[in-house]
């Protein structure tokens, strides 16, 4: 039988925990040794579980799972480094979600560019009591991203990310410029 992880010893060999009558039984020791080889990666994973919860230490294939735990929609186009950074910063991003600052930081993390966010504002008022409120028009948000190489940015995916980050009734425009 081949070990699941060659050379990985079990921290808790089963054969050593059996009654002494089985200590010299080759069949029992061989059988429990095979179980030890199968269980060693399980023990290693459980012993190092805190490392799996740290996006900077977790195995690459586990970071996507962590992203779902923190409600981060994963884009297949993200590099592993970018995904780790987004998962690491997700709590802060959620804290500022729905604000210009939060949107700008999210887009900056995705693109690596300088980001400007402008919007229509959220308050309308009238100086006369009882008068109808002025019509400010539909709410909007405009995101301008300055990057060194515009070709590296998938504008369709960026637009989808921004639309996902703002309320459904808000009109969104995204502008990607070089410079």
Protein backbone atom coordinates (compact mmCIF):
# COMPACT_ATOMS: atom_id res chain seq x y z
CA UNK A 1 0.00 0.00 0.00
CA UNK A 2 1.29 3.45 -0.92
CA UNK A 3 1.12 6.26 1.63
CA UNK A 4 -1.30 9.11 0.86
CA UNK A 5 1.52 11.53 1.63
CA UNK A 6 4.87 9.70 1.34
CA UNK A 7 7.04 10.01 4.43
CA UNK A 8 4.39 11.71 6.57
CA UNK A 9 4.40 9.95 9.95
CA UNK A 10 1.29 9.68 12.05
CA UNK A 11 1.51 11.71 15.26
CA UNK A 12 -0.66 9.05 16.97
CA UNK A 13 0.29 5.54 15.69
CA UNK A 14 -2.61 3.18 16.28
CA UNK A 15 -0.36 0.15 16.83
CA UNK A 16 1.27 1.79 19.85
CA UNK A 17 -2.12 2.38 21.47
CA UNK A 18 -3.30 -1.23 21.29
CA UNK A 19 -3.03 -3.63 24.25
CA UNK A 20 0.43 -5.17 24.67
CA UNK A 21 -0.77 -8.56 23.39
CA UNK A 22 -0.85 -7.02 19.88
CA UNK A 23 2.54 -5.28 20.13
CA UNK A 24 4.40 -8.21 18.51
CA UNK A 25 1.64 -9.31 16.11
CA UNK A 26 3.00 -8.51 12.62
CA UNK A 27 -0.40 -8.65 10.94
CA UNK A 28 -2.03 -6.26 13.41
CA UNK A 29 0.97 -3.89 13.34
CA UNK A 30 1.00 -3.95 9.52
CA UNK A 31 -2.74 -3.36 9.34
CA UNK A 32 -2.67 -0.46 11.81
CA UNK A 33 0.44 0.92 10.07
CA UNK A 34 -1.54 1.08 6.83
CA UNK A 35 -4.33 2.92 8.65
CA UNK A 36 -1.73 5.31 10.08
CA UNK A 37 -0.57 6.16 6.54
CA UNK A 38 -4.13 6.97 5.53
CA UNK A 39 -4.91 8.96 8.68
CA UNK A 40 -1.64 10.94 8.88
CA UNK A 41 -2.81 13.61 6.36
CA UNK A 42 -6.09 13.97 8.28
CA UNK A 43 -4.22 14.60 11.53
CA UNK A 44 -1.85 17.00 9.76
CA UNK A 45 -4.81 18.95 8.34
CA UNK A 46 -6.60 19.16 11.67
CA UNK A 47 -3.43 20.10 13.53
CA UNK A 48 -2.81 22.92 11.04
CA UNK A 49 -6.40 24.04 10.56
CA UNK A 50 -5.66 27.59 11.69
CA UNK A 51 -3.29 27.85 8.70
CA UNK A 52 -6.16 26.91 6.40
CA UNK A 53 -8.18 29.83 7.75
CA UNK A 54 -5.43 32.36 6.96
CA UNK A 55 -5.68 33.34 3.26
CA UNK A 56 -1.94 33.99 3.13
CA UNK A 57 -1.08 30.47 4.35
CA UNK A 58 -3.96 28.35 3.02
CA UNK A 59 -3.42 26.06 0.04
CA UNK A 60 -4.29 27.77 -3.23
CA UNK A 61 -7.33 25.58 -3.91
CA UNK A 62 -8.74 26.35 -0.43
CA UNK A 63 -8.61 30.15 -0.80
CA UNK A 64 -11.59 30.10 -3.18
CA UNK A 65 -13.57 28.30 -0.53
CA UNK A 66 -12.57 30.92 2.05
CA UNK A 67 -13.80 33.59 -0.36
CA UNK A 68 -17.27 32.03 -0.29
CA UNK A 69 -17.17 31.98 3.52
CA UNK A 70 -16.70 35.76 3.54
CA UNK A 71 -19.35 36.37 0.83
CA UNK A 72 -16.84 37.29 -1.87
CA UNK A 73 -17.94 36.36 -5.37
CA UNK A 74 -14.90 34.79 -7.04
CA UNK A 75 -14.01 35.71 -10.60
CA UNK A 76 -12.09 33.05 -12.51
CA UNK A 77 -9.90 35.76 -14.03
CA UNK A 78 -8.35 36.74 -10.69
CA UNK A 79 -4.79 35.70 -10.04
CA UNK A 80 -4.13 33.64 -6.89
CA UNK A 81 -2.28 36.62 -5.37
CA UNK A 82 -5.22 38.95 -6.04
CA UNK A 83 -7.71 36.43 -4.62
CA UNK A 84 -5.63 36.05 -1.43
CA UNK A 85 -5.50 39.85 -1.04
CA UNK A 86 -9.26 40.23 -1.57
CA UNK A 87 -10.08 37.50 0.95
CA UNK A 88 -7.64 39.04 3.45
CA UNK A 89 -9.23 42.48 3.02
CA UNK A 90 -12.85 41.25 2.81
CA UNK A 91 -13.81 42.24 6.37
CA UNK A 92 -12.68 45.81 5.73
CA UNK A 93 -14.41 45.80 2.34
CA UNK A 94 -17.66 44.67 3.99
CA UNK A 95 -17.29 47.39 6.63
CA UNK A 96 -17.22 50.05 3.90
CA UNK A 97 -19.67 48.32 1.51
CA UNK A 98 -22.14 50.75 -0.02
CA UNK A 99 -19.87 53.78 0.33
CA UNK A 100 -17.64 55.57 -2.16
CA UNK A 101 -14.62 54.55 -0.13
CA UNK A 102 -15.62 50.88 -0.12
CA UNK A 103 -16.34 50.81 -3.84
CA UNK A 104 -13.11 52.61 -4.68
CA UNK A 105 -11.05 50.22 -2.51
CA UNK A 106 -12.74 47.17 -4.01
CA UNK A 107 -12.08 48.35 -7.57
CA UNK A 108 -8.50 49.30 -6.68
CA UNK A 109 -7.86 45.81 -5.33
CA UNK A 110 -9.31 44.27 -8.49
CA UNK A 111 -7.48 46.45 -11.00
CA UNK A 112 -4.43 47.80 -9.22
CA UNK A 113 -5.25 51.22 -10.65
CA UNK A 114 -6.06 54.64 -9.26
CA UNK A 115 -9.81 54.86 -8.73
CA UNK A 116 -12.19 57.85 -8.62
CA UNK A 117 -15.82 57.31 -7.65
CA UNK A 118 -18.43 60.01 -8.11
CA UNK A 119 -22.14 59.66 -7.49
CA UNK A 120 -25.38 61.60 -7.54
CA UNK A 121 -25.57 61.82 -3.76
CA UNK A 122 -28.27 60.49 -1.54
CA UNK A 123 -30.21 63.46 -0.14
CA UNK A 124 -32.69 65.88 -1.68
CA UNK A 125 -34.43 68.71 0.17
CA UNK A 126 -36.67 71.68 -0.40
CA UNK A 127 -36.27 75.06 1.36
CA UNK A 128 -40.08 75.42 1.61
CA UNK A 129 -42.04 73.35 4.13
CA UNK A 130 -44.66 71.15 2.48
CA UNK A 131 -43.36 71.80 -1.02
CA UNK A 132 -42.75 68.83 -3.29
CA UNK A 133 -39.20 67.56 -3.22
CA UNK A 134 -37.04 68.48 -6.17
CA UNK A 135 -36.56 65.71 -8.70
CA UNK A 136 -32.86 64.86 -8.61
CA UNK A 137 -33.24 62.36 -11.46
CA UNK A 138 -32.27 58.73 -11.19
CA UNK A 139 -29.35 57.93 -8.89
CA UNK A 140 -26.04 57.17 -10.58
CA UNK A 141 -22.46 56.26 -9.84
CA UNK A 142 -19.45 56.75 -12.12
CA UNK A 143 -16.19 54.85 -11.60
CA UNK A 144 -13.03 56.01 -13.38
CA UNK A 145 -10.01 53.73 -13.19
CA UNK A 146 -6.54 54.81 -14.32
CA UNK A 147 -4.27 51.88 -15.15
CA UNK A 148 -0.92 51.64 -16.95
CA UNK A 149 -2.22 49.04 -19.45
CA UNK A 150 -5.89 49.18 -20.34
CA UNK A 151 -5.71 45.85 -22.21
CA UNK A 152 -5.15 43.98 -18.93
CA UNK A 153 -8.57 45.02 -17.59
CA UNK A 154 -11.69 43.03 -18.51
CA UNK A 155 -14.17 45.91 -18.55
CA UNK A 156 -17.19 43.61 -18.74
CA UNK A 157 -16.17 41.81 -15.53
CA UNK A 158 -15.27 45.09 -13.84
CA UNK A 159 -18.70 46.52 -14.74
CA UNK A 160 -20.41 43.39 -13.34
CA UNK A 161 -18.45 43.74 -10.09
CA UNK A 162 -19.40 47.41 -9.71
CA UNK A 163 -23.06 46.72 -10.53
CA UNK A 164 -23.03 43.98 -7.89
CA UNK A 165 -21.58 46.38 -5.30
CA UNK A 166 -24.16 49.19 -5.64
CA UNK A 167 -27.93 49.16 -5.00
CA UNK A 168 -30.00 47.69 -7.83
CA UNK A 169 -31.72 50.97 -8.77
CA UNK A 170 -28.47 52.92 -9.27
CA UNK A 171 -27.22 53.51 -12.83
CA UNK A 172 -23.57 52.57 -13.23
CA UNK A 173 -20.91 53.76 -15.66
CA UNK A 174 -17.33 52.53 -15.62
CA UNK A 175 -14.49 54.23 -17.46
CA UNK A 176 -11.05 52.66 -17.78
CA UNK A 177 -8.30 55.01 -18.96
CA UNK A 178 -4.54 54.66 -19.42
CA UNK A 179 -2.26 56.96 -17.55
